[in-house]
């Protein structure tokens, strides 16, 4: 099975991409989203037109995803599965990124990777999750850096025969691959993702987004 990942500068584009994938018949448990939340965009957003906030899958006003994140990662579960990806969005903390909004299989893997790194010294957090998913070191570095700089990742597990269709759905909604965005980062002196670095501030992220006219 292939993994297709794209980086979005605007979380609304990423949310629309996820909805488009689901409308096109891609199963929710094959889709994952991880988004920087430095501007607190997640607070107050609703899903499915029913007025419930992201992460509140049972309508009780609480973030069910955040409460179950540790259990989901430990058991190999998928954060947000069963109710649509956007219904399952919740807040998580990932090393090098700070608070993020996340749901799906990649988010679960990132939480587990971070826990494994604390115990065994393996590459952890989002970088480790991306590599475990099948991305090479260079791709994983760019995508992790993209989230650190305020972006949103959408990753999809897909059959190789359906790869082009999934790529098109993501590309048409302003998703960027690691080659194009990595080149832009390196032009400005970037050399690699540092999980030990301080997360970017809201001001730094606003400047970064302005650079790409978003």
N, C-alpha and C. Protein backbone atom coordinates (compact mmCIF):
# COMPACT_ATOMS: atom_id res chain seq x y z
N UNK A 1 0.83 -1.20 0.00
CA UNK A 1 0.00 0.00 0.00
C UNK A 1 0.87 1.25 0.00
N UNK A 2 0.50 2.23 -0.82
CA UNK A 2 1.25 3.48 -0.91
C UNK A 2 0.73 4.48 0.11
N UNK A 3 1.57 5.46 0.45
CA UNK A 3 1.17 6.58 1.30
C UNK A 3 1.41 7.87 0.54
N UNK A 4 0.35 8.67 0.40
CA UNK A 4 0.43 9.96 -0.27
C UNK A 4 0.24 11.05 0.78
N UNK A 5 1.19 11.98 0.85
CA UNK A 5 1.12 13.07 1.82
C UNK A 5 1.29 14.40 1.09
N UNK A 6 0.52 15.38 1.51
CA UNK A 6 0.66 16.73 1.00
C UNK A 6 0.62 17.72 2.16
N UNK A 7 1.34 18.82 1.97
CA UNK A 7 1.39 19.90 2.96
C UNK A 7 0.52 21.06 2.48
N UNK A 8 -0.32 21.56 3.37
CA UNK A 8 -1.20 22.68 3.06
C UNK A 8 -0.82 23.87 3.94
N UNK A 9 -0.71 25.05 3.34
CA UNK A 9 -0.39 26.25 4.10
C UNK A 9 -1.61 26.77 4.86
N UNK A 10 -2.79 26.46 4.36
CA UNK A 10 -4.04 26.94 4.94
C UNK A 10 -4.84 25.74 5.44
N UNK A 11 -5.19 25.72 6.72
CA UNK A 11 -5.89 24.55 7.25
C UNK A 11 -7.25 24.36 6.60
N UNK A 12 -7.88 25.43 6.14
CA UNK A 12 -9.18 25.27 5.46
C UNK A 12 -9.04 24.49 4.17
N UNK A 13 -7.94 24.70 3.44
CA UNK A 13 -7.69 23.91 2.23
C UNK A 13 -7.53 22.43 2.59
N UNK A 14 -6.84 22.16 3.70
CA UNK A 14 -6.64 20.78 4.14
C UNK A 14 -7.95 20.13 4.54
N UNK A 15 -8.80 20.87 5.26
CA UNK A 15 -10.10 20.34 5.66
C UNK A 15 -10.96 20.02 4.44
N UNK A 16 -10.91 20.89 3.44
CA UNK A 16 -11.66 20.63 2.21
C UNK A 16 -11.09 19.42 1.48
N UNK A 17 -9.77 19.25 1.51
CA UNK A 17 -9.16 18.09 0.87
C UNK A 17 -9.63 16.80 1.52
N UNK A 18 -9.69 16.79 2.86
CA UNK A 18 -10.17 15.60 3.56
C UNK A 18 -11.62 15.32 3.18
N UNK A 19 -12.45 16.34 3.16
CA UNK A 19 -13.86 16.15 2.78
C UNK A 19 -13.97 15.63 1.36
N UNK A 20 -13.13 16.16 0.47
CA UNK A 20 -13.16 15.71 -0.93
C UNK A 20 -12.76 14.25 -1.05
N UNK A 21 -11.76 13.83 -0.29
CA UNK A 21 -11.35 12.43 -0.29
C UNK A 21 -12.48 11.52 0.16
N UNK A 22 -13.16 11.92 1.22
CA UNK A 22 -14.26 11.10 1.73
C UNK A 22 -15.42 11.07 0.73
N UNK A 23 -15.71 12.22 0.11
CA UNK A 23 -16.77 12.23 -0.91
C UNK A 23 -16.43 11.34 -2.09
N UNK A 24 -15.13 11.22 -2.36
CA UNK A 24 -14.68 10.40 -3.49
C UNK A 24 -14.61 8.92 -3.15
N UNK A 25 -14.97 8.58 -1.92
CA UNK A 25 -15.03 7.17 -1.55
C UNK A 25 -13.81 6.64 -0.83
N UNK A 26 -12.85 7.50 -0.48
CA UNK A 26 -11.68 7.05 0.28
C UNK A 26 -12.12 6.82 1.73
N UNK A 27 -11.85 5.65 2.26
CA UNK A 27 -12.29 5.31 3.61
C UNK A 27 -11.64 6.23 4.64
N UNK A 28 -12.42 6.64 5.64
CA UNK A 28 -11.93 7.56 6.66
C UNK A 28 -10.73 7.01 7.42
N UNK A 29 -10.69 5.69 7.63
CA UNK A 29 -9.59 5.13 8.40
C UNK A 29 -8.28 5.07 7.61
N UNK A 30 -8.33 5.51 6.34
CA UNK A 30 -7.10 5.61 5.55
C UNK A 30 -6.58 7.05 5.46
N UNK A 31 -7.29 7.98 6.07
CA UNK A 31 -6.94 9.41 5.99
C UNK A 31 -6.49 9.91 7.35
N UNK A 32 -5.46 10.74 7.35
CA UNK A 32 -5.00 11.35 8.60
C UNK A 32 -4.67 12.81 8.35
N UNK A 33 -4.86 13.62 9.39
CA UNK A 33 -4.56 15.05 9.32
C UNK A 33 -3.81 15.47 10.58
N UNK A 34 -2.74 16.23 10.40
CA UNK A 34 -1.99 16.82 11.52
C UNK A 34 -1.75 18.28 11.19
N UNK A 35 -2.21 19.19 12.06
CA UNK A 35 -2.17 20.62 11.75
C UNK A 35 -1.62 21.43 12.91
N UNK A 36 -0.77 22.38 12.60
CA UNK A 36 -0.31 23.34 13.60
C UNK A 36 -1.51 24.14 14.12
N UNK A 37 -1.53 24.38 15.43
CA UNK A 37 -2.66 25.11 16.01
C UNK A 37 -2.20 26.36 16.76
N UNK A 38 -1.13 26.99 16.28
CA UNK A 38 -0.59 28.16 16.96
C UNK A 38 -1.58 29.32 17.02
N UNK A 39 -2.46 29.40 16.03
CA UNK A 39 -3.45 30.47 16.01
C UNK A 39 -4.79 30.04 16.59
N UNK A 40 -4.81 28.83 17.21
CA UNK A 40 -6.00 28.32 17.89
C UNK A 40 -7.20 28.21 16.95
N UNK A 41 -6.96 27.88 15.69
CA UNK A 41 -8.06 27.79 14.74
C UNK A 41 -9.06 26.70 15.10
N UNK A 42 -8.57 25.66 15.78
CA UNK A 42 -9.41 24.51 16.10
C UNK A 42 -10.55 24.88 17.04
N UNK A 43 -10.35 25.86 17.92
CA UNK A 43 -11.35 26.19 18.92
C UNK A 43 -12.61 26.76 18.27
N UNK A 44 -13.72 26.12 18.53
CA UNK A 44 -14.99 26.64 18.04
C UNK A 44 -15.41 26.14 16.67
N UNK A 45 -14.50 25.48 15.92
CA UNK A 45 -14.90 24.95 14.61
C UNK A 45 -15.92 23.83 14.78
N UNK A 46 -16.85 23.78 13.89
CA UNK A 46 -17.87 22.74 13.92
C UNK A 46 -17.68 21.81 12.73
N UNK A 47 -18.32 20.65 12.79
CA UNK A 47 -18.23 19.70 11.69
C UNK A 47 -19.62 19.18 11.34
N UNK A 48 -19.74 18.73 10.09
CA UNK A 48 -20.95 18.06 9.59
C UNK A 48 -22.20 18.91 9.69
N UNK A 49 -22.06 20.22 9.96
CA UNK A 49 -23.22 21.08 10.01
C UNK A 49 -24.11 20.88 11.22
N UNK A 50 -23.67 20.09 12.21
CA UNK A 50 -24.54 19.80 13.35
C UNK A 50 -24.21 20.65 14.57
N UNK A 51 -23.24 21.56 14.44
CA UNK A 51 -22.93 22.46 15.54
C UNK A 51 -21.95 21.92 16.56
N UNK A 52 -21.65 20.63 16.51
CA UNK A 52 -20.69 20.08 17.46
C UNK A 52 -19.27 20.52 17.09
N UNK A 53 -18.43 20.70 18.10
CA UNK A 53 -17.06 21.11 17.86
C UNK A 53 -16.23 19.92 17.43
N UNK A 54 -15.15 20.20 16.66
CA UNK A 54 -14.23 19.14 16.28
C UNK A 54 -13.77 18.40 17.53
N UNK A 55 -13.72 17.08 17.44
CA UNK A 55 -13.26 16.26 18.55
C UNK A 55 -14.34 15.83 19.51
N UNK A 56 -15.51 16.46 19.43
CA UNK A 56 -16.63 16.12 20.31
C UNK A 56 -17.55 15.16 19.57
N UNK A 57 -17.19 13.89 19.56
CA UNK A 57 -17.90 12.92 18.73
C UNK A 57 -19.23 12.49 19.33
N UNK A 58 -19.39 12.62 20.66
CA UNK A 58 -20.65 12.20 21.26
C UNK A 58 -21.54 13.36 21.68
N UNK A 59 -21.10 14.61 21.39
CA UNK A 59 -21.93 15.76 21.64
C UNK A 59 -22.00 16.22 23.08
N UNK A 60 -21.04 15.78 23.93
CA UNK A 60 -21.10 16.16 25.34
C UNK A 60 -20.29 17.41 25.66
N UNK A 61 -19.70 18.04 24.62
CA UNK A 61 -18.92 19.26 24.83
C UNK A 61 -17.48 19.03 25.19
N UNK A 62 -17.07 17.76 25.32
CA UNK A 62 -15.69 17.43 25.68
C UNK A 62 -14.95 16.90 24.46
N UNK A 63 -13.61 17.06 24.49
CA UNK A 63 -12.78 16.57 23.39
C UNK A 63 -12.48 15.09 23.61
N UNK A 64 -13.27 14.23 22.99
CA UNK A 64 -13.13 12.80 23.18
C UNK A 64 -11.84 12.25 22.61
N UNK A 65 -11.33 12.88 21.55
CA UNK A 65 -10.12 12.40 20.91
C UNK A 65 -8.92 12.59 21.82
N UNK A 66 -8.81 13.79 22.40
CA UNK A 66 -7.68 14.07 23.29
C UNK A 66 -7.68 13.13 24.48
N UNK A 67 -8.88 12.83 25.01
CA UNK A 67 -8.98 11.95 26.16
C UNK A 67 -8.50 10.54 25.83
N UNK A 68 -8.77 10.10 24.59
CA UNK A 68 -8.45 8.73 24.23
C UNK A 68 -7.17 8.57 23.44
N UNK A 69 -6.40 9.64 23.28
CA UNK A 69 -5.23 9.57 22.40
C UNK A 69 -4.22 8.54 22.87
N UNK A 70 -3.90 8.55 24.16
CA UNK A 70 -2.91 7.61 24.66
C UNK A 70 -3.35 6.17 24.48
N UNK A 71 -4.60 5.89 24.79
CA UNK A 71 -5.13 4.54 24.63
C UNK A 71 -5.11 4.12 23.17
N UNK A 72 -5.52 5.04 22.29
CA UNK A 72 -5.55 4.72 20.87
C UNK A 72 -4.19 4.37 20.32
N UNK A 73 -3.17 5.15 20.74
CA UNK A 73 -1.82 4.89 20.27
C UNK A 73 -1.29 3.58 20.82
N UNK A 74 -1.57 3.33 22.10
CA UNK A 74 -1.04 2.14 22.75
C UNK A 74 -1.61 0.87 22.16
N UNK A 75 -2.87 0.91 21.72
CA UNK A 75 -3.52 -0.28 21.19
C UNK A 75 -3.48 -0.37 19.68
N UNK A 76 -2.81 0.63 19.05
CA UNK A 76 -2.74 0.62 17.60
C UNK A 76 -4.00 1.14 16.97
N UNK A 77 -4.86 1.78 17.75
CA UNK A 77 -6.11 2.31 17.23
C UNK A 77 -5.88 3.54 16.38
N UNK A 78 -6.94 4.01 15.76
CA UNK A 78 -6.87 5.17 14.90
C UNK A 78 -7.66 6.31 15.52
N UNK A 79 -7.00 7.43 15.78
CA UNK A 79 -7.69 8.56 16.38
C UNK A 79 -8.74 9.10 15.42
N UNK A 80 -9.97 9.15 15.89
CA UNK A 80 -11.04 9.73 15.08
C UNK A 80 -11.71 8.76 14.12
N UNK A 81 -11.33 7.50 14.15
CA UNK A 81 -11.92 6.55 13.20
C UNK A 81 -13.38 6.30 13.54
N UNK A 82 -14.18 6.02 12.52
CA UNK A 82 -15.54 5.60 12.73
C UNK A 82 -16.57 6.70 12.59
N UNK A 83 -16.16 7.96 12.69
CA UNK A 83 -17.14 9.05 12.62
C UNK A 83 -16.75 10.07 11.57
N UNK A 84 -15.83 9.70 10.68
CA UNK A 84 -15.30 10.66 9.72
C UNK A 84 -14.09 11.36 10.32
N UNK A 85 -13.12 11.67 9.50
CA UNK A 85 -11.87 12.21 10.00
C UNK A 85 -12.08 13.53 10.73
N UNK A 86 -12.84 14.45 10.15
CA UNK A 86 -12.98 15.77 10.74
C UNK A 86 -13.76 15.73 12.04
N UNK A 87 -14.66 14.77 12.19
CA UNK A 87 -15.38 14.62 13.45
C UNK A 87 -14.44 14.22 14.57
N UNK A 88 -13.32 13.60 14.21
CA UNK A 88 -12.41 13.08 15.22
C UNK A 88 -11.23 13.96 15.54
N UNK A 89 -11.19 15.18 15.01
CA UNK A 89 -10.04 16.04 15.28
C UNK A 89 -9.96 16.41 16.76
N UNK A 90 -8.76 16.33 17.31
CA UNK A 90 -8.54 16.72 18.70
C UNK A 90 -7.14 17.25 18.90
N UNK A 91 -6.88 17.81 20.07
CA UNK A 91 -5.58 18.41 20.38
C UNK A 91 -4.63 17.35 20.89
N UNK A 92 -3.39 17.38 20.37
CA UNK A 92 -2.32 16.51 20.84
C UNK A 92 -1.05 17.33 20.97
N UNK A 93 -0.09 16.82 21.72
CA UNK A 93 1.23 17.46 21.81
C UNK A 93 2.25 16.53 21.17
N UNK A 94 3.01 17.03 20.19
CA UNK A 94 4.02 16.24 19.49
C UNK A 94 5.36 16.96 19.62
N UNK A 95 6.43 16.25 20.01
CA UNK A 95 7.75 16.88 20.20
C UNK A 95 8.20 17.71 19.01
N UNK A 96 8.70 18.92 19.28
CA UNK A 96 9.20 19.80 18.25
C UNK A 96 8.15 20.64 17.59
N UNK A 97 6.88 20.35 17.86
CA UNK A 97 5.77 21.06 17.22
C UNK A 97 4.88 21.77 18.22
N UNK A 98 4.83 21.27 19.44
CA UNK A 98 3.90 21.82 20.41
C UNK A 98 2.51 21.29 20.15
N UNK A 99 1.45 22.03 20.57
CA UNK A 99 0.07 21.57 20.38
C UNK A 99 -0.28 21.53 18.89
N UNK A 100 -0.87 20.43 18.49
CA UNK A 100 -1.35 20.30 17.12
C UNK A 100 -2.78 19.77 17.15
N UNK A 101 -3.49 19.98 16.06
CA UNK A 101 -4.80 19.38 15.86
C UNK A 101 -4.59 18.16 14.98
N UNK A 102 -5.11 17.02 15.39
CA UNK A 102 -4.78 15.80 14.66
C UNK A 102 -5.90 14.77 14.75
N UNK A 103 -5.92 13.90 13.76
CA UNK A 103 -6.82 12.75 13.76
C UNK A 103 -6.28 11.73 12.77
N UNK A 104 -6.63 10.47 12.99
CA UNK A 104 -6.29 9.43 12.02
C UNK A 104 -5.05 8.63 12.37
N UNK A 105 -4.71 7.74 11.46
CA UNK A 105 -3.67 6.75 11.71
C UNK A 105 -2.29 7.37 11.90
N UNK A 106 -1.94 8.42 11.17
CA UNK A 106 -0.61 9.02 11.31
C UNK A 106 -0.46 9.69 12.67
N UNK A 107 -1.54 10.30 13.16
CA UNK A 107 -1.51 10.91 14.48
C UNK A 107 -1.28 9.86 15.56
N UNK A 108 -1.95 8.72 15.45
CA UNK A 108 -1.75 7.64 16.41
C UNK A 108 -0.31 7.14 16.38
N UNK A 109 0.23 7.01 15.17
CA UNK A 109 1.61 6.54 15.03
C UNK A 109 2.59 7.55 15.62
N UNK A 110 2.32 8.85 15.45
CA UNK A 110 3.20 9.89 15.98
C UNK A 110 3.23 9.87 17.50
N UNK A 111 2.07 9.67 18.12
CA UNK A 111 2.02 9.59 19.58
C UNK A 111 2.81 8.38 20.07
N UNK A 112 2.63 7.24 19.41
CA UNK A 112 3.34 6.03 19.78
C UNK A 112 4.84 6.18 19.55
N UNK A 113 5.22 6.84 18.44
CA UNK A 113 6.64 7.04 18.14
C UNK A 113 7.30 7.93 19.18
N UNK A 114 6.58 8.96 19.63
CA UNK A 114 7.11 9.84 20.66
C UNK A 114 7.34 9.09 21.95
N UNK A 115 6.39 8.23 22.32
CA UNK A 115 6.53 7.43 23.53
C UNK A 115 7.70 6.47 23.40
N UNK A 116 7.87 5.86 22.22
CA UNK A 116 8.98 4.95 22.00
C UNK A 116 10.32 5.65 22.05
N UNK A 117 10.36 6.89 21.57
CA UNK A 117 11.61 7.64 21.60
C UNK A 117 12.02 7.94 23.02
N UNK A 118 11.04 8.21 23.88
CA UNK A 118 11.36 8.52 25.27
C UNK A 118 11.95 7.31 25.97
N UNK A 119 11.55 6.12 25.54
CA UNK A 119 12.03 4.90 26.18
C UNK A 119 13.28 4.35 25.51
N UNK A 120 13.25 4.28 24.19
CA UNK A 120 14.31 3.57 23.50
C UNK A 120 15.23 4.41 22.66
N UNK A 121 15.01 5.70 22.57
CA UNK A 121 15.91 6.58 21.84
C UNK A 121 15.71 6.55 20.34
N UNK A 122 14.63 5.93 19.85
CA UNK A 122 14.37 5.90 18.41
C UNK A 122 13.89 7.26 17.95
N UNK A 123 13.96 7.48 16.65
CA UNK A 123 13.42 8.73 16.10
C UNK A 123 11.94 8.78 16.40
N UNK A 124 11.49 9.84 17.08
CA UNK A 124 10.12 9.85 17.57
C UNK A 124 9.28 10.95 16.97
N UNK A 125 8.07 11.06 17.50
CA UNK A 125 7.15 12.11 17.09
C UNK A 125 6.75 11.99 15.63
N UNK A 126 6.47 13.13 15.03
CA UNK A 126 5.97 13.14 13.65
C UNK A 126 7.02 12.64 12.67
N UNK A 127 8.27 13.01 12.89
CA UNK A 127 9.34 12.55 11.98
C UNK A 127 9.39 11.03 11.93
N UNK A 128 9.35 10.40 13.09
CA UNK A 128 9.37 8.94 13.14
C UNK A 128 8.14 8.33 12.52
N UNK A 129 6.99 8.96 12.74
CA UNK A 129 5.74 8.43 12.18
C UNK A 129 5.75 8.47 10.66
N UNK A 130 6.25 9.57 10.10
CA UNK A 130 6.31 9.71 8.65
C UNK A 130 7.24 8.66 8.04
N UNK A 131 8.36 8.41 8.68
CA UNK A 131 9.30 7.42 8.18
C UNK A 131 8.72 6.01 8.30
N UNK A 132 8.03 5.75 9.40
CA UNK A 132 7.40 4.45 9.56
C UNK A 132 6.32 4.23 8.51
N UNK A 133 5.68 5.32 8.10
CA UNK A 133 4.62 5.22 7.09
C UNK A 133 5.17 4.92 5.70
N UNK A 134 6.48 5.13 5.51
CA UNK A 134 7.08 4.83 4.21
C UNK A 134 7.78 5.98 3.53
N UNK A 135 7.74 7.18 4.13
CA UNK A 135 8.47 8.31 3.56
C UNK A 135 9.95 8.18 3.88
N UNK A 136 10.79 8.63 2.95
CA UNK A 136 12.22 8.59 3.23
C UNK A 136 12.59 9.76 4.15
N UNK A 137 13.85 9.78 4.57
CA UNK A 137 14.30 10.78 5.54
C UNK A 137 14.07 12.20 5.04
N UNK A 138 14.40 12.46 3.79
CA UNK A 138 14.25 13.80 3.26
C UNK A 138 12.81 14.26 3.22
N UNK A 139 11.91 13.39 2.77
CA UNK A 139 10.50 13.72 2.73
C UNK A 139 9.95 13.99 4.12
N UNK A 140 10.31 13.10 5.06
CA UNK A 140 9.82 13.25 6.43
C UNK A 140 10.30 14.55 7.06
N UNK A 141 11.54 14.93 6.80
CA UNK A 141 12.08 16.17 7.34
C UNK A 141 11.28 17.37 6.84
N UNK A 142 10.98 17.39 5.56
CA UNK A 142 10.25 18.53 4.99
C UNK A 142 8.84 18.60 5.54
N UNK A 143 8.15 17.48 5.60
CA UNK A 143 6.77 17.50 6.07
C UNK A 143 6.68 17.88 7.55
N UNK A 144 7.59 17.37 8.36
CA UNK A 144 7.59 17.75 9.78
C UNK A 144 7.89 19.24 9.94
N UNK A 145 8.83 19.74 9.15
CA UNK A 145 9.15 21.18 9.19
C UNK A 145 7.95 22.00 8.75
N UNK A 146 7.21 21.49 7.78
CA UNK A 146 6.04 22.22 7.30
C UNK A 146 5.01 22.43 8.39
N UNK A 147 4.77 21.41 9.20
CA UNK A 147 3.83 21.55 10.31
C UNK A 147 4.40 22.52 11.35
N UNK A 148 5.69 22.43 11.62
CA UNK A 148 6.32 23.35 12.57
C UNK A 148 6.14 24.80 12.13
N UNK A 149 6.13 25.03 10.83
CA UNK A 149 6.00 26.39 10.28
C UNK A 149 4.54 26.82 10.09
N UNK A 150 3.62 26.07 10.63
CA UNK A 150 2.23 26.48 10.59
C UNK A 150 1.35 25.72 9.62
N UNK A 151 1.89 24.71 8.96
CA UNK A 151 1.15 23.99 7.94
C UNK A 151 0.30 22.85 8.47
N UNK A 152 -0.39 22.21 7.55
CA UNK A 152 -1.25 21.07 7.86
C UNK A 152 -0.91 19.93 6.91
N UNK A 153 -0.69 18.74 7.45
CA UNK A 153 -0.44 17.56 6.63
C UNK A 153 -1.71 16.75 6.47
N UNK A 154 -1.93 16.27 5.27
CA UNK A 154 -2.95 15.27 5.01
C UNK A 154 -2.24 14.07 4.41
N UNK A 155 -2.36 12.92 5.06
CA UNK A 155 -1.73 11.69 4.59
C UNK A 155 -2.78 10.63 4.33
N UNK A 156 -2.61 9.92 3.24
CA UNK A 156 -3.60 8.94 2.82
C UNK A 156 -2.91 7.61 2.50
N UNK A 157 -3.41 6.54 3.09
CA UNK A 157 -3.00 5.20 2.69
C UNK A 157 -3.87 4.77 1.52
N UNK A 158 -3.23 4.35 0.44
CA UNK A 158 -4.01 4.02 -0.75
C UNK A 158 -3.38 2.88 -1.52
N UNK A 159 -4.19 2.19 -2.27
CA UNK A 159 -3.65 1.19 -3.18
C UNK A 159 -2.84 1.91 -4.25
N UNK A 160 -1.79 1.25 -4.73
CA UNK A 160 -0.95 1.86 -5.75
C UNK A 160 -1.77 2.22 -6.99
N UNK A 161 -2.76 1.41 -7.29
CA UNK A 161 -3.59 1.65 -8.47
C UNK A 161 -4.44 2.91 -8.34
N UNK A 162 -4.64 3.40 -7.12
CA UNK A 162 -5.47 4.58 -6.88
C UNK A 162 -4.63 5.80 -6.50
N UNK A 163 -3.34 5.66 -6.57
CA UNK A 163 -2.44 6.71 -6.11
C UNK A 163 -2.61 8.02 -6.89
N UNK A 164 -2.67 7.94 -8.20
CA UNK A 164 -2.77 9.16 -9.01
C UNK A 164 -4.05 9.91 -8.70
N UNK A 165 -5.15 9.20 -8.52
CA UNK A 165 -6.41 9.86 -8.21
C UNK A 165 -6.32 10.60 -6.87
N UNK A 166 -5.72 9.97 -5.86
CA UNK A 166 -5.57 10.61 -4.55
C UNK A 166 -4.66 11.82 -4.64
N UNK A 167 -3.55 11.68 -5.37
CA UNK A 167 -2.64 12.81 -5.55
C UNK A 167 -3.35 13.99 -6.21
N UNK A 168 -4.16 13.70 -7.20
CA UNK A 168 -4.88 14.76 -7.91
C UNK A 168 -5.85 15.48 -6.99
N UNK A 169 -6.58 14.73 -6.17
CA UNK A 169 -7.52 15.33 -5.23
C UNK A 169 -6.82 16.28 -4.28
N UNK A 170 -5.63 15.89 -3.81
CA UNK A 170 -4.88 16.73 -2.88
C UNK A 170 -4.22 17.91 -3.58
N UNK A 171 -3.64 17.66 -4.74
CA UNK A 171 -2.98 18.73 -5.49
C UNK A 171 -3.96 19.82 -5.91
N UNK A 172 -5.16 19.41 -6.30
CA UNK A 172 -6.16 20.37 -6.77
C UNK A 172 -6.65 21.29 -5.66
N UNK A 173 -6.36 20.93 -4.42
CA UNK A 173 -6.78 21.76 -3.28
C UNK A 173 -5.58 22.41 -2.60
N UNK A 174 -4.54 22.68 -3.41
CA UNK A 174 -3.37 23.44 -3.00
C UNK A 174 -2.46 22.69 -2.03
N UNK A 175 -2.39 21.38 -2.22
CA UNK A 175 -1.43 20.59 -1.45
C UNK A 175 -0.08 20.59 -2.14
N UNK A 176 0.99 20.68 -1.35
CA UNK A 176 2.36 20.71 -1.87
C UNK A 176 3.10 19.45 -1.48
N UNK A 177 3.91 18.92 -2.40
CA UNK A 177 4.71 17.76 -2.06
C UNK A 177 6.03 18.19 -1.45
N UNK A 178 6.81 17.22 -1.00
CA UNK A 178 8.05 17.53 -0.28
C UNK A 178 9.12 18.13 -1.19
N UNK A 179 9.10 17.80 -2.46
CA UNK A 179 10.12 18.33 -3.37
C UNK A 179 9.99 19.83 -3.55
N UNK A 180 8.78 20.30 -3.84
CA UNK A 180 8.59 21.72 -4.10
C UNK A 180 8.78 22.54 -2.84
N UNK A 181 8.22 22.09 -1.74
CA UNK A 181 8.33 22.89 -0.52
C UNK A 181 9.73 22.78 0.10
N UNK A 182 10.35 21.62 -0.02
CA UNK A 182 11.72 21.47 0.49
C UNK A 182 12.69 22.39 -0.22
N UNK A 183 12.52 22.55 -1.52
CA UNK A 183 13.38 23.45 -2.28
C UNK A 183 13.22 24.88 -1.80
N UNK A 184 11.97 25.27 -1.51
CA UNK A 184 11.72 26.63 -1.03
C UNK A 184 12.36 26.85 0.34
N UNK A 185 12.28 25.86 1.20
CA UNK A 185 12.90 25.98 2.52
C UNK A 185 14.42 26.12 2.42
N UNK A 186 15.01 25.29 1.57
CA UNK A 186 16.47 25.31 1.46
C UNK A 186 16.98 26.62 0.86
N UNK A 187 16.18 27.24 0.00
CA UNK A 187 16.57 28.54 -0.57
C UNK A 187 16.75 29.60 0.52
N UNK A 188 16.08 29.39 1.65
CA UNK A 188 16.15 30.34 2.76
C UNK A 188 17.04 29.84 3.89
N UNK A 189 17.91 28.86 3.58
CA UNK A 189 18.92 28.43 4.54
C UNK A 189 18.56 27.27 5.43
N UNK A 190 17.39 26.67 5.23
CA UNK A 190 16.98 25.54 6.06
C UNK A 190 17.81 24.30 5.73
N UNK A 191 18.17 23.52 6.76
CA UNK A 191 18.97 22.32 6.52
C UNK A 191 18.32 21.05 7.07
N UNK A 192 17.30 21.17 7.89
CA UNK A 192 16.65 19.97 8.41
C UNK A 192 15.76 20.26 9.60
N UNK A 193 14.83 19.36 9.86
CA UNK A 193 13.91 19.51 10.98
C UNK A 193 14.62 19.18 12.29
N UNK A 194 14.44 20.02 13.30
CA UNK A 194 15.05 19.83 14.61
C UNK A 194 13.94 19.69 15.65
N UNK A 195 13.70 18.46 16.11
CA UNK A 195 12.63 18.22 17.07
C UNK A 195 12.91 18.86 18.42
N UNK A 196 14.18 19.22 18.68
CA UNK A 196 14.53 19.83 19.96
C UNK A 196 14.37 21.35 19.95
N UNK A 197 14.12 21.91 18.77
CA UNK A 197 13.99 23.36 18.67
C UNK A 197 12.65 23.82 19.23
N UNK A 198 12.59 25.09 19.59
CA UNK A 198 11.35 25.65 20.10
C UNK A 198 10.31 25.72 18.97
N UNK A 199 9.06 25.41 19.29
CA UNK A 199 8.00 25.58 18.26
C UNK A 199 7.94 27.03 17.80
N UNK A 200 7.55 27.23 16.56
CA UNK A 200 7.43 28.58 16.03
C UNK A 200 6.31 29.35 16.72
N UNK A 201 6.50 30.65 16.85
CA UNK A 201 5.48 31.50 17.43
C UNK A 201 4.42 31.82 16.38
N UNK A 202 3.29 32.34 16.83
CA UNK A 202 2.23 32.74 15.90
C UNK A 202 2.72 33.81 14.94
N UNK A 203 3.59 34.70 15.44
CA UNK A 203 4.12 35.78 14.58
C UNK A 203 5.02 35.21 13.49
N UNK A 204 5.90 34.26 13.85
CA UNK A 204 6.77 33.64 12.85
C UNK A 204 5.95 32.92 11.79
N UNK A 205 4.91 32.24 12.23
CA UNK A 205 4.08 31.48 11.30
C UNK A 205 3.33 32.42 10.36
N UNK A 206 2.85 33.55 10.88
CA UNK A 206 2.16 34.53 10.04
C UNK A 206 3.10 35.05 8.95
N UNK A 207 4.36 35.31 9.30
CA UNK A 207 5.34 35.78 8.32
C UNK A 207 5.60 34.70 7.27
N UNK A 208 5.67 33.45 7.72
CA UNK A 208 5.91 32.34 6.79
C UNK A 208 4.76 32.19 5.81
N UNK A 209 3.55 32.28 6.29
CA UNK A 209 2.40 32.15 5.41
C UNK A 209 2.35 33.28 4.40
N UNK A 210 2.72 34.48 4.84
CA UNK A 210 2.73 35.62 3.94
C UNK A 210 3.74 35.41 2.81
N UNK A 211 4.82 34.71 3.12
CA UNK A 211 5.85 34.44 2.11
C UNK A 211 5.30 33.65 0.95
N UNK A 212 4.32 32.79 1.23
CA UNK A 212 3.73 31.96 0.18
C UNK A 212 2.38 32.50 -0.27
N UNK A 213 2.11 33.79 0.07
CA UNK A 213 0.90 34.47 -0.38
C UNK A 213 -0.37 33.75 0.02
N UNK A 214 -0.43 33.30 1.27
CA UNK A 214 -1.62 32.60 1.75
C UNK A 214 -2.41 33.49 2.69
